[in-house]
């Protein structure tokens, strides 16, 4: 009974820790996104104060639609796919009119473009991290060190090998370079 209780406590702690890390990571991504979009749209503080509440509502609606897309990804008909894509367009149009009360038409176009750029950048980084983790799991750690120069003690031992060969009357002819991989 005691072991079950300890196991249950450990499981709860692990679950809480995992959720806290995921929320922290999501919070970091959101703060980077806010900074990225603020810079791209060149928002002054007064405009930003009016812009971000509207954007947060827009982002919440878009997130719900995208979560629906992910949930029903494999079992959808062509019409269902088109309907969900139409929902995305409808949300952009709905909020587009609200955004235009706060930002210019040029900034609105820049917003939609900057969102795409940010999402592509985030996806590339995530793929890069995933590939790095896969390589580490598969034992390809040596790939990280392949192109690094030799350290001094490695160079000096090679130099000593060369000098020893010269003392023994061997020449450099026919000597193959070492493969450090």
N, C-alpha and C. Protein backbone atom coordinates (compact mmCIF):
# COMPACT_ATOMS: atom_id res chain seq x y z
N UNK A 1 0.83 -1.20 0.00
CA UNK A 1 0.00 0.00 0.00
C UNK A 1 0.87 1.26 0.00
N UNK A 2 1.94 1.20 0.77
CA UNK A 2 2.84 2.33 0.87
C UNK A 2 3.51 2.60 -0.47
N UNK A 3 3.89 1.53 -1.17
CA UNK A 3 4.54 1.67 -2.47
C UNK A 3 3.59 2.28 -3.50
N UNK A 4 2.34 1.91 -3.44
CA UNK A 4 1.35 2.45 -4.38
C UNK A 4 1.17 3.94 -4.13
N UNK A 5 1.11 4.33 -2.87
CA UNK A 5 0.96 5.74 -2.53
C UNK A 5 2.17 6.55 -2.99
N UNK A 6 3.37 6.03 -2.78
CA UNK A 6 4.58 6.72 -3.21
C UNK A 6 4.61 6.82 -4.73
N UNK A 7 4.25 5.75 -5.42
CA UNK A 7 4.21 5.78 -6.89
C UNK A 7 3.19 6.79 -7.39
N UNK A 8 2.05 6.85 -6.75
CA UNK A 8 1.02 7.80 -7.14
C UNK A 8 1.48 9.24 -6.93
N UNK A 9 2.15 9.50 -5.83
CA UNK A 9 2.67 10.84 -5.55
C UNK A 9 3.72 11.22 -6.60
N UNK A 10 4.61 10.28 -6.92
CA UNK A 10 5.63 10.55 -7.95
C UNK A 10 4.99 10.84 -9.29
N UNK A 11 3.96 10.10 -9.63
CA UNK A 11 3.26 10.30 -10.90
C UNK A 11 2.60 11.68 -10.95
N UNK A 12 1.97 12.09 -9.87
CA UNK A 12 1.33 13.41 -9.82
C UNK A 12 2.39 14.51 -9.94
N UNK A 13 3.50 14.36 -9.24
CA UNK A 13 4.57 15.36 -9.31
C UNK A 13 5.12 15.45 -10.74
N UNK A 14 5.30 14.31 -11.38
CA UNK A 14 5.79 14.30 -12.76
C UNK A 14 4.81 14.99 -13.70
N UNK A 15 3.53 14.73 -13.53
CA UNK A 15 2.49 15.34 -14.36
C UNK A 15 2.47 16.86 -14.17
N UNK A 16 2.51 17.30 -12.94
CA UNK A 16 2.49 18.73 -12.64
C UNK A 16 3.73 19.42 -13.21
N UNK A 17 4.88 18.79 -13.06
CA UNK A 17 6.12 19.36 -13.59
C UNK A 17 6.07 19.47 -15.10
N UNK A 18 5.59 18.42 -15.76
CA UNK A 18 5.49 18.44 -17.22
C UNK A 18 4.57 19.56 -17.69
N UNK A 19 3.41 19.70 -17.04
CA UNK A 19 2.47 20.76 -17.41
C UNK A 19 3.06 22.14 -17.17
N UNK A 20 3.80 22.31 -16.09
CA UNK A 20 4.41 23.60 -15.80
C UNK A 20 5.45 23.94 -16.86
N UNK A 21 6.25 22.96 -17.26
CA UNK A 21 7.26 23.20 -18.30
C UNK A 21 6.60 23.54 -19.63
N UNK A 22 5.52 22.83 -19.97
CA UNK A 22 4.83 23.09 -21.23
C UNK A 22 4.21 24.49 -21.23
N UNK A 23 3.62 24.90 -20.10
CA UNK A 23 3.05 26.24 -20.01
C UNK A 23 4.14 27.30 -20.07
N UNK A 24 5.25 27.05 -19.44
CA UNK A 24 6.37 27.99 -19.47
C UNK A 24 6.88 28.15 -20.89
N UNK A 25 7.02 27.03 -21.61
CA UNK A 25 7.48 27.07 -22.99
C UNK A 25 6.48 27.83 -23.87
N UNK A 26 5.19 27.57 -23.67
CA UNK A 26 4.16 28.26 -24.44
C UNK A 26 4.18 29.75 -24.13
N UNK A 27 4.39 30.10 -22.87
CA UNK A 27 4.48 31.51 -22.50
C UNK A 27 5.66 32.21 -23.16
N UNK A 28 6.79 31.50 -23.26
CA UNK A 28 7.96 32.07 -23.92
C UNK A 28 7.69 32.31 -25.40
N UNK A 29 7.05 31.33 -26.04
CA UNK A 29 6.73 31.47 -27.46
C UNK A 29 5.79 32.66 -27.67
N UNK A 30 4.80 32.79 -26.81
CA UNK A 30 3.86 33.90 -26.93
C UNK A 30 4.54 35.25 -26.75
N UNK A 31 5.45 35.34 -25.80
CA UNK A 31 6.13 36.62 -25.58
C UNK A 31 7.05 36.95 -26.76
N UNK A 32 7.69 35.94 -27.33
CA UNK A 32 8.52 36.17 -28.52
C UNK A 32 7.65 36.61 -29.69
N UNK A 33 6.47 36.00 -29.82
CA UNK A 33 5.55 36.36 -30.90
C UNK A 33 5.08 37.80 -30.75
N UNK A 34 4.75 38.20 -29.54
CA UNK A 34 4.31 39.58 -29.30
C UNK A 34 5.41 40.56 -29.68
N UNK A 35 6.63 40.27 -29.27
CA UNK A 35 7.75 41.16 -29.60
C UNK A 35 7.98 41.20 -31.11
N UNK A 36 7.91 40.04 -31.76
CA UNK A 36 8.13 39.94 -33.21
C UNK A 36 7.08 40.75 -33.97
N UNK A 37 5.80 40.53 -33.62
CA UNK A 37 4.73 41.25 -34.32
C UNK A 37 4.76 42.74 -34.02
N UNK A 38 5.06 43.12 -32.78
CA UNK A 38 5.14 44.54 -32.43
C UNK A 38 6.21 45.23 -33.27
N UNK A 39 7.34 44.55 -33.43
CA UNK A 39 8.42 45.13 -34.22
C UNK A 39 8.03 45.22 -35.70
N UNK A 40 7.46 44.15 -36.23
CA UNK A 40 7.10 44.13 -37.65
C UNK A 40 6.02 45.16 -37.98
N UNK A 41 5.07 45.35 -37.05
CA UNK A 41 3.99 46.31 -37.29
C UNK A 41 4.35 47.72 -36.88
N UNK A 42 5.49 47.86 -36.20
CA UNK A 42 5.95 49.17 -35.75
C UNK A 42 4.87 49.87 -34.92
N UNK A 43 4.40 49.15 -33.89
CA UNK A 43 3.32 49.66 -33.05
C UNK A 43 3.86 50.61 -31.98
N UNK A 44 3.26 51.79 -31.89
CA UNK A 44 3.60 52.68 -30.79
C UNK A 44 2.82 52.21 -29.56
N UNK A 45 3.18 52.65 -28.37
CA UNK A 45 2.53 52.15 -27.15
C UNK A 45 1.02 52.37 -27.12
N UNK A 46 0.56 53.51 -27.60
CA UNK A 46 -0.88 53.80 -27.58
C UNK A 46 -1.64 52.84 -28.51
N UNK A 47 -1.11 52.62 -29.70
CA UNK A 47 -1.74 51.71 -30.64
C UNK A 47 -1.66 50.27 -30.12
N UNK A 48 -0.53 49.90 -29.55
CA UNK A 48 -0.37 48.54 -29.02
C UNK A 48 -1.39 48.26 -27.92
N UNK A 49 -1.67 49.27 -27.11
CA UNK A 49 -2.64 49.11 -26.03
C UNK A 49 -4.03 48.78 -26.57
N UNK A 50 -4.38 49.29 -27.72
CA UNK A 50 -5.68 49.01 -28.33
C UNK A 50 -5.62 47.76 -29.22
N UNK A 51 -4.45 47.49 -29.78
CA UNK A 51 -4.31 46.38 -30.73
C UNK A 51 -4.33 45.01 -30.05
N UNK A 52 -3.57 44.83 -28.97
CA UNK A 52 -3.38 43.50 -28.40
C UNK A 52 -4.63 42.85 -27.85
N UNK A 53 -5.57 43.57 -27.24
CA UNK A 53 -6.81 42.88 -26.83
C UNK A 53 -7.59 42.30 -28.03
N UNK A 54 -7.64 43.05 -29.12
CA UNK A 54 -8.33 42.55 -30.33
C UNK A 54 -7.56 41.35 -30.89
N UNK A 55 -6.23 41.48 -30.94
CA UNK A 55 -5.42 40.38 -31.48
C UNK A 55 -5.57 39.12 -30.63
N UNK A 56 -5.62 39.25 -29.32
CA UNK A 56 -5.74 38.08 -28.45
C UNK A 56 -7.06 37.35 -28.69
N UNK A 57 -8.15 38.10 -28.90
CA UNK A 57 -9.44 37.46 -29.24
C UNK A 57 -9.33 36.73 -30.58
N UNK A 58 -8.75 37.40 -31.55
CA UNK A 58 -8.53 36.81 -32.87
C UNK A 58 -7.70 35.54 -32.76
N UNK A 59 -6.61 35.60 -32.02
CA UNK A 59 -5.71 34.47 -31.87
C UNK A 59 -6.41 33.30 -31.17
N UNK A 60 -7.25 33.58 -30.18
CA UNK A 60 -7.99 32.52 -29.50
C UNK A 60 -8.93 31.80 -30.47
N UNK A 61 -9.65 32.56 -31.28
CA UNK A 61 -10.56 31.94 -32.26
C UNK A 61 -9.78 31.12 -33.28
N UNK A 62 -8.68 31.65 -33.75
CA UNK A 62 -7.87 30.92 -34.72
C UNK A 62 -7.30 29.64 -34.10
N UNK A 63 -6.91 29.72 -32.86
CA UNK A 63 -6.36 28.54 -32.18
C UNK A 63 -7.42 27.45 -32.06
N UNK A 64 -8.65 27.82 -31.76
CA UNK A 64 -9.72 26.82 -31.66
C UNK A 64 -9.97 26.14 -33.00
N UNK A 65 -9.99 26.91 -34.07
CA UNK A 65 -10.21 26.33 -35.40
C UNK A 65 -9.05 25.40 -35.76
N UNK A 66 -7.83 25.81 -35.47
CA UNK A 66 -6.67 24.98 -35.80
C UNK A 66 -6.64 23.72 -34.95
N UNK A 67 -7.09 23.79 -33.70
CA UNK A 67 -7.17 22.58 -32.88
C UNK A 67 -8.21 21.62 -33.45
N UNK A 68 -9.31 22.16 -33.94
CA UNK A 68 -10.32 21.31 -34.59
C UNK A 68 -9.74 20.65 -35.83
N UNK A 69 -8.93 21.40 -36.57
CA UNK A 69 -8.28 20.83 -37.76
C UNK A 69 -7.38 19.66 -37.39
N UNK A 70 -6.64 19.80 -36.30
CA UNK A 70 -5.73 18.75 -35.88
C UNK A 70 -6.48 17.52 -35.37
N UNK A 71 -7.56 17.74 -34.64
CA UNK A 71 -8.31 16.62 -34.07
C UNK A 71 -8.91 15.73 -35.15
N UNK A 72 -9.48 16.33 -36.17
CA UNK A 72 -10.18 15.56 -37.19
C UNK A 72 -9.36 15.42 -38.47
N UNK A 73 -8.06 15.46 -38.34
CA UNK A 73 -7.16 15.53 -39.48
C UNK A 73 -7.34 14.40 -40.48
N UNK A 74 -7.43 13.16 -40.03
CA UNK A 74 -7.43 12.03 -40.94
C UNK A 74 -8.82 11.63 -41.43
N UNK A 75 -9.83 11.97 -40.70
CA UNK A 75 -11.16 11.45 -41.00
C UNK A 75 -12.08 12.47 -41.65
N UNK A 76 -11.54 13.44 -42.34
CA UNK A 76 -12.37 14.49 -42.91
C UNK A 76 -12.57 14.28 -44.41
N UNK A 77 -13.72 14.69 -44.85
CA UNK A 77 -13.98 14.68 -46.29
C UNK A 77 -13.45 15.98 -46.87
N UNK A 78 -13.44 16.05 -48.19
CA UNK A 78 -12.96 17.28 -48.85
C UNK A 78 -13.83 18.47 -48.46
N UNK A 79 -15.13 18.27 -48.38
CA UNK A 79 -16.02 19.37 -47.99
C UNK A 79 -15.75 19.85 -46.57
N UNK A 80 -15.45 18.93 -45.67
CA UNK A 80 -15.15 19.32 -44.29
C UNK A 80 -13.85 20.12 -44.23
N UNK A 81 -12.88 19.70 -45.01
CA UNK A 81 -11.61 20.44 -45.06
C UNK A 81 -11.84 21.85 -45.56
N UNK A 82 -12.60 21.98 -46.64
CA UNK A 82 -12.89 23.31 -47.20
C UNK A 82 -13.69 24.15 -46.23
N UNK A 83 -14.63 23.54 -45.51
CA UNK A 83 -15.41 24.29 -44.52
C UNK A 83 -14.53 24.85 -43.41
N UNK A 84 -13.59 24.04 -42.96
CA UNK A 84 -12.71 24.52 -41.89
C UNK A 84 -11.76 25.60 -42.40
N UNK A 85 -11.29 25.47 -43.62
CA UNK A 85 -10.45 26.52 -44.19
C UNK A 85 -11.26 27.80 -44.39
N UNK A 86 -12.53 27.66 -44.72
CA UNK A 86 -13.40 28.83 -44.86
C UNK A 86 -13.60 29.51 -43.51
N UNK A 87 -13.67 28.72 -42.44
CA UNK A 87 -13.79 29.31 -41.10
C UNK A 87 -12.58 30.19 -40.79
N UNK A 88 -11.39 29.76 -41.19
CA UNK A 88 -10.18 30.55 -40.98
C UNK A 88 -10.30 31.88 -41.73
N UNK A 89 -10.73 31.81 -42.98
CA UNK A 89 -10.88 33.03 -43.79
C UNK A 89 -11.94 33.94 -43.18
N UNK A 90 -13.04 33.36 -42.71
CA UNK A 90 -14.11 34.17 -42.10
C UNK A 90 -13.61 34.89 -40.85
N UNK A 91 -12.82 34.21 -40.05
CA UNK A 91 -12.28 34.83 -38.84
C UNK A 91 -11.34 35.98 -39.22
N UNK A 92 -10.51 35.77 -40.23
CA UNK A 92 -9.60 36.83 -40.66
C UNK A 92 -10.37 38.04 -41.16
N UNK A 93 -11.43 37.81 -41.89
CA UNK A 93 -12.24 38.94 -42.38
C UNK A 93 -12.96 39.65 -41.24
N UNK A 94 -13.53 38.88 -40.34
CA UNK A 94 -14.24 39.45 -39.19
C UNK A 94 -13.30 40.35 -38.38
N UNK A 95 -12.13 39.83 -38.06
CA UNK A 95 -11.20 40.61 -37.25
C UNK A 95 -10.46 41.65 -38.08
N UNK A 96 -10.40 41.44 -39.38
CA UNK A 96 -9.77 42.44 -40.23
C UNK A 96 -10.45 43.78 -40.10
N UNK A 97 -11.78 43.79 -40.06
CA UNK A 97 -12.50 45.06 -39.89
C UNK A 97 -12.24 45.66 -38.51
N UNK A 98 -12.12 44.81 -37.51
CA UNK A 98 -11.82 45.31 -36.16
C UNK A 98 -10.39 45.84 -36.07
N UNK A 99 -9.46 45.15 -36.73
CA UNK A 99 -8.07 45.62 -36.74
C UNK A 99 -7.95 46.97 -37.42
N UNK A 100 -8.71 47.17 -38.49
CA UNK A 100 -8.62 48.42 -39.24
C UNK A 100 -9.08 49.63 -38.43
N UNK A 101 -9.78 49.41 -37.34
CA UNK A 101 -10.15 50.51 -36.45
C UNK A 101 -8.95 50.94 -35.60
N UNK A 102 -7.92 50.08 -35.56
CA UNK A 102 -6.76 50.33 -34.69
C UNK A 102 -5.48 50.55 -35.50
N UNK A 103 -5.29 49.78 -36.58
CA UNK A 103 -4.07 49.86 -37.38
C UNK A 103 -4.43 50.16 -38.84
N UNK A 104 -3.44 50.52 -39.63
CA UNK A 104 -3.67 50.85 -41.04
C UNK A 104 -3.83 49.58 -41.87
N UNK A 105 -4.29 49.75 -43.09
CA UNK A 105 -4.46 48.63 -44.02
C UNK A 105 -3.11 47.97 -44.32
N UNK A 106 -2.06 48.79 -44.46
CA UNK A 106 -0.72 48.26 -44.70
C UNK A 106 -0.25 47.41 -43.52
N UNK A 107 -0.52 47.89 -42.30
CA UNK A 107 -0.14 47.14 -41.12
C UNK A 107 -0.92 45.83 -41.02
N UNK A 108 -2.18 45.85 -41.46
CA UNK A 108 -2.98 44.63 -41.44
C UNK A 108 -2.39 43.59 -42.39
N UNK A 109 -2.01 44.01 -43.58
CA UNK A 109 -1.35 43.09 -44.51
C UNK A 109 -0.05 42.58 -43.92
N UNK A 110 0.70 43.47 -43.28
CA UNK A 110 1.96 43.08 -42.64
C UNK A 110 1.70 42.11 -41.49
N UNK A 111 0.60 42.28 -40.77
CA UNK A 111 0.26 41.37 -39.67
C UNK A 111 0.08 39.95 -40.20
N UNK A 112 -0.73 39.78 -41.22
CA UNK A 112 -0.98 38.44 -41.75
C UNK A 112 0.31 37.83 -42.30
N UNK A 113 1.12 38.63 -42.97
CA UNK A 113 2.39 38.13 -43.51
C UNK A 113 3.35 37.78 -42.38
N UNK A 114 3.42 38.63 -41.37
CA UNK A 114 4.34 38.40 -40.25
C UNK A 114 3.94 37.18 -39.43
N UNK A 115 2.65 36.92 -39.31
CA UNK A 115 2.21 35.70 -38.63
C UNK A 115 2.71 34.46 -39.36
N UNK A 116 2.60 34.47 -40.68
CA UNK A 116 3.10 33.34 -41.46
C UNK A 116 4.60 33.16 -41.27
N UNK A 117 5.33 34.27 -41.35
CA UNK A 117 6.78 34.22 -41.18
C UNK A 117 7.15 33.67 -39.80
N UNK A 118 6.46 34.15 -38.78
CA UNK A 118 6.75 33.70 -37.42
C UNK A 118 6.47 32.20 -37.28
N UNK A 119 5.35 31.75 -37.82
CA UNK A 119 5.01 30.33 -37.72
C UNK A 119 6.00 29.46 -38.47
N UNK A 120 6.48 29.92 -39.63
CA UNK A 120 7.50 29.17 -40.37
C UNK A 120 8.80 29.13 -39.60
N UNK A 121 9.18 30.26 -39.00
CA UNK A 121 10.40 30.33 -38.21
C UNK A 121 10.31 29.37 -37.01
N UNK A 122 9.17 29.38 -36.35
CA UNK A 122 8.97 28.52 -35.19
C UNK A 122 9.02 27.05 -35.61
N UNK A 123 8.39 26.72 -36.71
CA UNK A 123 8.39 25.34 -37.21
C UNK A 123 9.80 24.87 -37.56
N UNK A 124 10.58 25.74 -38.21
CA UNK A 124 11.96 25.38 -38.54
C UNK A 124 12.77 25.11 -37.28
N UNK A 125 12.61 25.96 -36.28
CA UNK A 125 13.35 25.77 -35.03
C UNK A 125 12.94 24.47 -34.34
N UNK A 126 11.65 24.20 -34.34
CA UNK A 126 11.18 22.97 -33.70
C UNK A 126 11.70 21.74 -34.44
N UNK A 127 11.70 21.78 -35.76
CA UNK A 127 12.23 20.67 -36.55
C UNK A 127 13.71 20.49 -36.30
N UNK A 128 14.43 21.59 -36.21
CA UNK A 128 15.87 21.53 -35.95
C UNK A 128 16.14 20.90 -34.58
N UNK A 129 15.36 21.30 -33.58
CA UNK A 129 15.53 20.72 -32.24
C UNK A 129 15.18 19.24 -32.25
N UNK A 130 14.13 18.88 -32.95
CA UNK A 130 13.71 17.48 -33.02
C UNK A 130 14.79 16.64 -33.71
N UNK A 131 15.35 17.15 -34.79
CA UNK A 131 16.42 16.44 -35.49
C UNK A 131 17.64 16.27 -34.59
N UNK A 132 17.98 17.31 -33.85
CA UNK A 132 19.12 17.26 -32.94
C UNK A 132 18.88 16.20 -31.87
N UNK A 133 17.67 16.15 -31.34
CA UNK A 133 17.35 15.15 -30.32
C UNK A 133 17.39 13.75 -30.89
N UNK A 134 16.89 13.58 -32.11
CA UNK A 134 16.94 12.27 -32.75
C UNK A 134 18.38 11.83 -32.95
N UNK A 135 19.22 12.73 -33.42
CA UNK A 135 20.63 12.40 -33.62
C UNK A 135 21.29 11.99 -32.31
N UNK A 136 20.96 12.69 -31.25
CA UNK A 136 21.54 12.36 -29.96
C UNK A 136 21.07 10.98 -29.50
N UNK A 137 19.79 10.66 -29.73
CA UNK A 137 19.26 9.36 -29.33
C UNK A 137 19.86 8.24 -30.16
N UNK A 138 20.17 8.49 -31.41
CA UNK A 138 20.69 7.45 -32.29
C UNK A 138 22.20 7.29 -32.16
N UNK A 139 22.80 8.04 -31.28
CA UNK A 139 24.22 7.87 -31.04
C UNK A 139 25.10 8.59 -32.04
N UNK A 140 24.59 9.62 -32.67
CA UNK A 140 25.38 10.38 -33.64
C UNK A 140 26.01 11.60 -32.99
N UNK A 141 26.43 11.43 -31.77
CA UNK A 141 27.02 12.56 -31.06
C UNK A 141 28.34 12.98 -31.69
N UNK A 142 29.03 12.02 -32.31
CA UNK A 142 30.31 12.35 -32.91
C UNK A 142 30.16 13.32 -34.08
N UNK A 143 28.97 13.40 -34.70
CA UNK A 143 28.75 14.33 -35.80
C UNK A 143 28.99 15.78 -35.38
N UNK A 144 28.72 16.09 -34.14
CA UNK A 144 28.91 17.45 -33.66
C UNK A 144 30.38 17.83 -33.65
N UNK A 145 31.26 16.85 -33.51
CA UNK A 145 32.68 17.13 -33.34
C UNK A 145 33.51 16.85 -34.58
N UNK A 146 32.89 16.37 -35.63
CA UNK A 146 33.60 15.92 -36.82
C UNK A 146 34.50 16.99 -37.42
N UNK A 147 34.00 18.20 -37.58
CA UNK A 147 34.74 19.23 -38.29
C UNK A 147 35.55 20.14 -37.38
N UNK A 148 35.65 19.81 -36.12
CA UNK A 148 36.43 20.64 -35.20
C UNK A 148 37.92 20.37 -35.40
N UNK A 149 38.76 21.39 -35.22
CA UNK A 149 40.20 21.17 -35.37
C UNK A 149 40.73 20.31 -34.23
N UNK A 150 41.86 19.69 -34.48
CA UNK A 150 42.49 18.88 -33.46
C UNK A 150 43.00 19.76 -32.33
N UNK A 151 43.00 19.21 -31.14
CA UNK A 151 43.53 19.96 -30.00
C UNK A 151 45.04 19.87 -29.99
N UNK A 152 45.67 20.74 -29.21
CA UNK A 152 47.13 20.81 -29.19
C UNK A 152 47.79 19.48 -28.87
N UNK A 153 47.29 18.74 -27.87
CA UNK A 153 47.95 17.49 -27.51
C UNK A 153 47.80 16.45 -28.61
N UNK A 154 46.74 16.51 -29.39
CA UNK A 154 46.59 15.59 -30.51
C UNK A 154 47.56 15.97 -31.63
N UNK A 155 47.70 17.25 -31.86
CA UNK A 155 48.63 17.72 -32.90
C UNK A 155 50.06 17.36 -32.52
N UNK A 156 50.40 17.57 -31.26
CA UNK A 156 51.79 17.34 -30.86
C UNK A 156 52.12 15.85 -30.92
N UNK A 157 51.17 14.97 -30.60
CA UNK A 157 51.46 13.54 -30.69
C UNK A 157 51.65 13.13 -32.14
N UNK A 158 50.89 13.74 -33.06
CA UNK A 158 51.08 13.45 -34.47
C UNK A 158 52.44 13.96 -34.92
N UNK A 159 52.83 15.10 -34.43
CA UNK A 159 54.13 15.65 -34.77
C UNK A 159 55.25 14.74 -34.26
N UNK A 160 55.07 14.17 -33.06
CA UNK A 160 56.08 13.27 -32.52
C UNK A 160 56.15 12.00 -33.36
N UNK A 161 54.99 11.49 -33.80
CA UNK A 161 54.98 10.31 -34.66
C UNK A 161 55.75 10.60 -35.94
N UNK A 162 55.56 11.78 -36.51
CA UNK A 162 56.25 12.15 -37.75
C UNK A 162 57.76 12.24 -37.51
N UNK A 163 58.15 12.87 -36.38
CA UNK A 163 59.58 13.00 -36.07
C UNK A 163 60.21 11.64 -35.82
N UNK A 164 59.48 10.76 -35.13
CA UNK A 164 60.00 9.42 -34.85
C UNK A 164 60.20 8.66 -36.16
N UNK A 165 59.31 8.81 -37.07
CA UNK A 165 59.43 8.15 -38.36
C UNK A 165 60.62 8.66 -39.14
N UNK A 166 60.88 9.95 -39.04
CA UNK A 166 62.01 10.52 -39.74
C UNK A 166 63.32 10.01 -39.14
N UNK A 167 63.38 9.86 -37.80
CA UNK A 167 64.59 9.34 -37.15
C UNK A 167 64.84 7.90 -37.55
N UNK A 168 63.76 7.15 -37.78
CA UNK A 168 63.92 5.75 -38.15
C UNK A 168 64.20 5.58 -39.64
N UNK A 169 64.31 6.70 -40.36
CA UNK A 169 64.65 6.63 -41.76
C UNK A 169 63.44 6.51 -42.68
N UNK A 170 62.22 6.66 -42.13
CA UNK A 170 61.05 6.60 -42.99
C UNK A 170 60.80 7.98 -43.57
N UNK A 171 60.30 8.00 -44.77
CA UNK A 171 59.97 9.29 -45.39
C UNK A 171 58.46 9.48 -45.34
N UNK A 172 58.02 10.65 -45.76
CA UNK A 172 56.60 10.95 -45.79
C UNK A 172 55.88 10.26 -46.94
N UNK A 173 56.63 9.71 -47.87
CA UNK A 173 56.00 9.07 -49.01
C UNK A 173 55.22 7.86 -48.55
N UNK A 174 54.02 7.74 -49.06
CA UNK A 174 53.19 6.60 -48.73
C UNK A 174 52.52 6.68 -47.38
N UNK A 175 52.74 7.75 -46.63
CA UNK A 175 52.11 7.90 -45.33
C UNK A 175 50.71 8.45 -45.54
N UNK A 176 49.75 7.74 -45.02
CA UNK A 176 48.35 8.16 -45.13
C UNK A 176 47.98 9.03 -43.94
N UNK A 177 47.25 10.13 -44.19
CA UNK A 177 46.81 10.94 -43.05
C UNK A 177 45.83 10.16 -42.19
N UNK A 178 45.81 10.49 -40.92
CA UNK A 178 44.88 9.85 -40.00
C UNK A 178 43.47 10.30 -40.27
N UNK A 179 42.56 9.37 -40.08
CA UNK A 179 41.14 9.70 -40.17
C UNK A 179 40.62 9.83 -38.76
N UNK A 180 40.29 11.04 -38.35
CA UNK A 180 39.92 11.31 -36.96
C UNK A 180 38.44 11.09 -36.70
N UNK A 181 37.75 10.45 -37.56
CA UNK A 181 36.30 10.25 -37.35
C UNK A 181 36.02 9.00 -36.60
